[in-house]
Every structure is written in structure tokens, then in C-alpha cells.
Protein backbone atom coordinates (compact mmCIF):
# COMPACT_ATOMS: atom_id res chain seq x y z
CA MET A 1 -14.88 -20.56 7.17
CA CYS A 2 -11.81 -18.36 7.48
CA THR A 3 -9.05 -18.72 4.90
CA THR A 4 -5.74 -16.93 4.59
CA GLY A 5 -5.64 -17.05 0.79
CA ALA A 6 -2.28 -16.92 -0.94
CA PHE A 7 -0.94 -13.74 0.63
CA LEU A 8 0.03 -14.85 4.15
CA PRO A 9 1.77 -18.08 3.07
CA PHE A 10 3.70 -16.03 0.50
CA VAL A 11 4.79 -13.49 3.12
CA PHE A 12 5.98 -16.19 5.52
CA GLU A 13 7.80 -18.05 2.74
CA THR A 14 9.45 -14.82 1.60
CA MET A 15 10.58 -14.06 5.15
CA GLU A 16 11.98 -17.56 5.65
CA LYS A 17 13.86 -17.56 2.34
CA CYS A 18 14.76 -13.84 2.42
CA ASP A 19 13.57 -13.67 -1.19
CA LEU A 20 13.18 -9.90 -1.66
CA ALA A 21 13.09 -10.27 -5.44
CA ALA A 22 9.92 -12.36 -5.12
CA LEU A 23 8.38 -9.77 -2.80
CA LYS A 24 9.31 -6.88 -5.12
CA SER A 25 7.71 -8.70 -8.06
CA LYS A 26 4.25 -8.44 -6.48
CA PRO A 27 1.90 -5.54 -7.18
CA ALA A 28 1.78 -3.07 -4.31
CA MET A 29 -0.07 0.07 -3.30
CA LEU A 30 0.63 2.59 -0.53
CA ILE A 31 -2.27 4.66 0.76
CA SER A 32 -0.81 7.48 2.84
CA GLY A 33 -2.74 10.08 4.82
CA ASP A 34 -1.31 13.57 5.04
CA LYS A 35 -2.30 13.74 8.74
CA ASP A 36 -0.38 10.57 9.70
CA TYR A 37 1.62 11.50 12.79
CA GLY A 38 2.75 7.90 13.42
CA ILE A 39 4.78 7.57 10.23
CA ALA A 40 5.68 10.78 8.43
CA PRO A 41 4.16 10.60 4.94
CA ASP A 42 7.45 11.49 3.23
CA HIS A 43 9.17 8.62 5.07
CA ALA A 44 6.37 6.20 4.24
CA VAL A 45 6.58 7.11 0.56
CA SER A 46 10.39 6.90 0.34
CA ASP A 47 10.49 3.56 2.18
CA PHE A 48 7.71 2.16 0.00
CA GLN A 49 9.41 3.34 -3.20
CA GLY A 50 12.64 1.70 -2.05
CA LEU A 51 10.92 -1.68 -1.98
CA PHE A 52 8.30 -1.16 -4.71
CA PRO A 53 9.67 1.45 -7.15
CA THR A 54 6.74 1.00 -9.56
CA GLY A 55 4.10 0.58 -6.84
CA GLU A 56 1.04 2.78 -6.78
CA ILE A 57 1.00 5.63 -4.24
CA VAL A 58 -2.22 7.34 -3.22
CA GLN A 59 -1.93 10.33 -0.90
CA VAL A 60 -5.19 11.15 0.87
CA ALA A 61 -5.92 14.60 2.30
CA GLY A 62 -7.21 14.87 5.86
CA VAL A 63 -6.48 11.23 6.76
CA GLY A 64 -4.34 10.04 9.65
CA HIS A 65 -2.40 6.88 10.51
CA PHE A 66 -5.48 4.68 10.79
CA CYS A 67 -6.99 5.29 7.36
CA GLN A 68 -9.22 2.23 7.76
CA GLU A 69 -10.99 4.17 10.51
CA ASP A 70 -10.91 7.58 8.85
CA ILE A 71 -12.15 6.58 5.39
CA PRO A 72 -13.32 2.92 5.49
CA GLU A 73 -15.70 3.12 2.53
CA GLU A 74 -13.27 5.01 0.31
CA LEU A 75 -10.35 2.82 1.35
CA VAL A 76 -11.85 -0.42 0.04
CA GLN A 77 -12.61 1.24 -3.28
CA LEU A 78 -9.14 2.73 -3.89
CA PRO A 79 -7.42 -0.39 -5.29
CA ARG A 80 -10.27 -0.85 -7.78
CA VAL A 81 -10.23 2.79 -8.83
CA VAL A 82 -6.45 3.05 -9.19
CA HIS A 83 -6.14 -0.14 -11.22
CA ARG A 84 -9.02 0.87 -13.48
CA GLU A 85 -7.47 4.20 -14.37
CA ASP A 86 -4.33 4.84 -16.32
CA THR A 87 -2.69 6.96 -13.64
CA PRO A 88 0.85 8.05 -12.86
CA ASN A 89 2.77 6.42 -10.02
CA ALA A 90 1.63 8.95 -7.39
CA ARG A 91 -1.60 10.85 -7.06
CA SER A 92 -3.73 12.57 -4.46
CA VAL A 93 -7.40 12.09 -3.69
């Protein structure tokens, strides 16, 4: 059975109502590869910080635009690791 959980309905509702405050209130994490040639890492970080100023940022060395292909095992662990540690807003792995 495939379920969408609470995330997709929330995104669609936010888009329909243009409720950016609700979107900004959610926890967020950006995982950015330093070899991303599709979206420059400095642009990705500044755009992300504009929407989620307290969101977690993880910069990964040697990873490109498709981090799910470059580091699939590490990628699924990052949210658990970052939320377990008392870390500053931005860090590198």
C-alpha cells in the first residue's frame, strides 16, 4: 500500500493558500554537494536560508546534483545524525 503521509497534502495546501508562514514553520534540511553543477552550492544555500533561516545545512564534499545517486547510504542517515547531534546551522561532512 502506498501512502503520501502528511507531507504532500501539506505542500499542496500551502501552495493553494500561499501560506509561507506555515511552510517556514516546518523543520527543514538542505544537503548540498560541492560538485553540484546544476545549482551552484552558494545559490542553493542562500535560497534555502531565505526560506528556512534556522534550517540545517549539510555540505558534502565530492557530491554532485544527484546526491541520492552519489551517496545513497549516507544520505538516508544524515537527517538522523544531524538531529541527534547538537550542531551549528551549517556543517560539512
